[in-house]
Amino acid sequence: MKPWEIYSWQAPGWPEPHPAVIISEGSRVANKPEVNILLCSTKEIRRPAGPTEIILDKSDGLDWPTLCKCDLIYSVAKAQLSNPRGEVTVERRRHIAHKVVQSLAFAGL
């Protein structure tokens, strides 16, 4: 398990698992039981990404174009992540990081 990999995670009360991108730094992923993730949709996207979203697709290991929501970070136990699905492409990592920062209160500092 490492940063930028995509796994499945089923949030409590949700009917199905969703793709989840690990965004924690490598030493946390290696040494701590919890990691930070971003959730993606389970359905194929049929609209452009919004200002706090990015579209991931087959090049990232997903089955179809999928929205990744960069405005809400979840902390989850690594043990709850299953079914490795792929890894975010190097080109998209910077875009995700930028959108995460934009969606937080840090953007105006």
C-alpha atoms as a PDB file:
ATOM      1  CA  MET A   1       0.000   0.000   0.000  1.00  0.00           C
ATOM      2  CA  LYS A   2       1.391   3.434  -0.941  1.00  0.00           C
ATOM      3  CA  PRO A   3       0.353   7.016  -1.716  1.00  0.00           C
ATOM      4  CA  TRP A   4      -1.729   7.516  -4.875  1.00  0.00           C
ATOM      5  CA  GLU A   5      -2.909   3.934  -5.048  1.00  0.00           C
ATOM      6  CA  ILE A   6      -6.622   3.386  -5.505  1.00  0.00           C
ATOM      7  CA  TYR A   7      -8.493   0.860  -3.371  1.00  0.00           C
ATOM      8  CA  SER A   8     -12.136   0.187  -2.592  1.00  0.00           C
ATOM      9  CA  TRP A   9     -13.663   1.545   0.613  1.00  0.00           C
ATOM     10  CA  GLN A  10     -17.226   1.156   1.836  1.00  0.00           C
ATOM     11  CA  ALA A  11     -18.286   4.034   4.062  1.00  0.00           C
ATOM     12  CA  PRO A  12     -20.541   3.069   6.980  1.00  0.00           C
ATOM     13  CA  GLY A  13     -24.155   2.956   5.841  1.00  0.00           C
ATOM     14  CA  TRP A  14     -23.330   3.101   2.132  1.00  0.00           C
ATOM     15  CA  PRO A  15     -24.705   0.322  -0.080  1.00  0.00           C
ATOM     16  CA  GLU A  16     -21.476  -0.347  -2.004  1.00  0.00           C
ATOM     17  CA  PRO A  17     -17.729   0.300  -1.920  1.00  0.00           C
ATOM     18  CA  HIS A  18     -16.299   3.322  -3.745  1.00  0.00           C
ATOM     19  CA  PRO A  19     -12.867   3.879  -5.285  1.00  0.00           C
ATOM     20  CA  ALA A  20     -10.626   5.630  -2.745  1.00  0.00           C
ATOM     21  CA  VAL A  21      -7.338   7.400  -3.512  1.00  0.00           C
ATOM     22  CA  ILE A  22      -4.709   7.273  -0.757  1.00  0.00           C
ATOM     23  CA  ILE A  23      -3.323  10.791  -0.278  1.00  0.00           C
ATOM     24  CA  SER A  24      -1.303  10.291   2.914  1.00  0.00           C
ATOM     25  CA  GLU A  25       2.471  10.729   2.802  1.00  0.00           C
ATOM     26  CA  GLY A  26       4.493   7.538   2.385  1.00  0.00           C
ATOM     27  CA  SER A  27       5.774   7.225   5.958  1.00  0.00           C
ATOM     28  CA  ARG A  28       2.222   7.426   7.327  1.00  0.00           C
ATOM     29  CA  VAL A  29       1.051   4.771   4.889  1.00  0.00           C
ATOM     30  CA  ALA A  30       3.959   2.523   5.877  1.00  0.00           C
ATOM     31  CA  ASN A  31       3.833   3.019   9.635  1.00  0.00           C
ATOM     32  CA  LYS A  32       0.363   4.040  10.828  1.00  0.00           C
ATOM     33  CA  PRO A  33      -2.929   2.139  10.887  1.00  0.00           C
ATOM     34  CA  GLU A  34      -4.956   5.037   9.403  1.00  0.00           C
ATOM     35  CA  VAL A  35      -4.540   6.870   6.098  1.00  0.00           C
ATOM     36  CA  ASN A  36      -6.213   9.821   4.406  1.00  0.00           C
ATOM     37  CA  ILE A  37      -8.246   9.160   1.293  1.00  0.00           C
ATOM     38  CA  LEU A  38     -10.354  10.920  -1.295  1.00  0.00           C
ATOM     39  CA  LEU A  39     -13.506   9.185  -2.476  1.00  0.00           C
ATOM     40  CA  CYS A  40     -14.553   8.722  -6.052  1.00  0.00           C
ATOM     41  CA  SER A  41     -17.967   8.004  -7.516  1.00  0.00           C
ATOM     42  CA  THR A  42     -19.004   4.493  -8.471  1.00  0.00           C
ATOM     43  CA  LYS A  43     -20.888   5.455 -11.606  1.00  0.00           C
ATOM     44  CA  GLU A  44     -19.488   6.500 -14.975  1.00  0.00           C
ATOM     45  CA  ILE A  45     -19.294  10.299 -15.186  1.00  0.00           C
ATOM     46  CA  ARG A  46     -21.447  12.016 -17.800  1.00  0.00           C
ATOM     47  CA  ARG A  47     -20.598  15.646 -17.009  1.00  0.00           C
ATOM     48  CA  PRO A  48     -17.469  17.762 -16.728  1.00  0.00           C
ATOM     49  CA  ALA A  49     -15.635  17.804 -13.417  1.00  0.00           C
ATOM     50  CA  GLY A  50     -16.582  20.618 -11.061  1.00  0.00           C
ATOM     51  CA  PRO A  51     -14.072  23.006  -9.472  1.00  0.00           C
ATOM     52  CA  THR A  52     -13.246  20.573  -6.632  1.00  0.00           C
ATOM     53  CA  GLU A  53     -13.331  17.374  -8.696  1.00  0.00           C
ATOM     54  CA  ILE A  54     -11.062  15.571 -11.110  1.00  0.00           C
ATOM     55  CA  ILE A  55     -11.855  12.752 -13.503  1.00  0.00           C
ATOM     56  CA  LEU A  56      -9.909   9.501 -13.190  1.00  0.00           C
ATOM     57  CA  ASP A  57     -10.199   6.753 -15.794  1.00  0.00           C
ATOM     58  CA  LYS A  58      -8.729   3.537 -17.196  1.00  0.00           C
ATOM     59  CA  SER A  59      -5.212   4.983 -17.198  1.00  0.00           C
ATOM     60  CA  ASP A  60      -5.554   5.188 -13.396  1.00  0.00           C
ATOM     61  CA  GLY A  61      -6.882   1.617 -13.139  1.00  0.00           C
ATOM     62  CA  LEU A  62     -10.615   2.370 -13.038  1.00  0.00           C
ATOM     63  CA  ASP A  63     -13.171   0.784 -15.346  1.00  0.00           C
ATOM     64  CA  TRP A  64     -14.570   4.060 -16.723  1.00  0.00           C
ATOM     65  CA  PRO A  65     -14.297   7.860 -16.291  1.00  0.00           C
ATOM     66  CA  THR A  66     -14.982   8.475 -12.602  1.00  0.00           C
ATOM     67  CA  LEU A  67     -15.245  11.634 -10.483  1.00  0.00           C
ATOM     68  CA  CYS A  68     -12.753  11.984  -7.654  1.00  0.00           C
ATOM     69  CA  LYS A  69     -13.989  14.452  -5.049  1.00  0.00           C
ATOM     70  CA  CYS A  70     -11.103  16.578  -3.744  1.00  0.00           C
ATOM     71  CA  ASP A  71     -13.035  18.690  -1.225  1.00  0.00           C
ATOM     72  CA  LEU A  72     -13.533  16.097   1.533  1.00  0.00           C
ATOM     73  CA  ILE A  73     -10.729  14.053   3.087  1.00  0.00           C
ATOM     74  CA  TYR A  74     -11.588  10.873   4.971  1.00  0.00           C
ATOM     75  CA  SER A  75      -9.354   9.214   7.567  1.00  0.00           C
ATOM     76  CA  VAL A  76      -9.801   5.453   7.427  1.00  0.00           C
ATOM     77  CA  ALA A  77      -8.144   2.350   8.783  1.00  0.00           C
ATOM     78  CA  LYS A  78      -5.936   0.723   6.174  1.00  0.00           C
ATOM     79  CA  ALA A  79      -7.593  -2.578   7.106  1.00  0.00           C
ATOM     80  CA  GLN A  80     -10.866  -1.212   5.682  1.00  0.00           C
ATOM     81  CA  LEU A  81      -9.336  -0.701   2.231  1.00  0.00           C
ATOM     82  CA  SER A  82      -9.656  -3.642  -0.124  1.00  0.00           C
ATOM     83  CA  ASN A  83      -9.478  -4.615  -3.771  1.00  0.00           C
ATOM     84  CA  PRO A  84      -6.488  -2.685  -5.168  1.00  0.00           C
ATOM     85  CA  ARG A  85      -7.721  -0.979  -8.326  1.00  0.00           C
ATOM     86  CA  GLY A  86      -4.812   1.000  -9.701  1.00  0.00           C
ATOM     87  CA  GLU A  87      -2.709   4.086  -9.185  1.00  0.00           C
ATOM     88  CA  VAL A  88      -3.303   7.738 -10.083  1.00  0.00           C
ATOM     89  CA  THR A  89      -1.135   8.755 -13.023  1.00  0.00           C
ATOM     90  CA  VAL A  90       1.776  11.066 -12.297  1.00  0.00           C
ATOM     91  CA  GLU A  91       0.194  13.796 -14.450  1.00  0.00           C
ATOM     92  CA  ARG A  92      -3.008  13.832 -12.385  1.00  0.00           C
ATOM     93  CA  ARG A  93      -1.370  13.851  -8.945  1.00  0.00           C
ATOM     94  CA  ARG A  94      -0.433  17.537  -9.130  1.00  0.00           C
ATOM     95  CA  HIS A  95      -3.974  18.431 -10.263  1.00  0.00           C
ATOM     96  CA  ILE A  96      -5.482  16.528  -7.348  1.00  0.00           C
ATOM     97  CA  ALA A  97      -3.117  18.171  -4.862  1.00  0.00           C
ATOM     98  CA  HIS A  98      -3.971  21.609  -6.263  1.00  0.00           C
ATOM     99  CA  LYS A  99      -7.712  20.966  -6.016  1.00  0.00           C
ATOM    100  CA  VAL A 100      -7.395  19.665  -2.444  1.00  0.00           C
ATOM    101  CA  VAL A 101      -5.556  22.831  -1.400  1.00  0.00           C
ATOM    102  CA  GLN A 102      -8.093  25.015  -3.260  1.00  0.00           C
ATOM    103  CA  SER A 103     -10.974  23.333  -1.469  1.00  0.00           C
ATOM    104  CA  LEU A 104      -9.498  23.943   1.993  1.00  0.00           C
ATOM    105  CA  ALA A 105      -9.263  27.213   3.908  1.00  0.00           C
ATOM    106  CA  PHE A 106      -5.512  27.357   3.115  1.00  0.00           C
ATOM    107  CA  ALA A 107      -6.105  28.627  -0.419  1.00  0.00           C
ATOM    108  CA  GLY A 108      -6.504  32.262   0.627  1.00  0.00           C
ATOM    109  CA  LEU A 109      -3.359  32.428   2.804  1.00  0.00           C
END
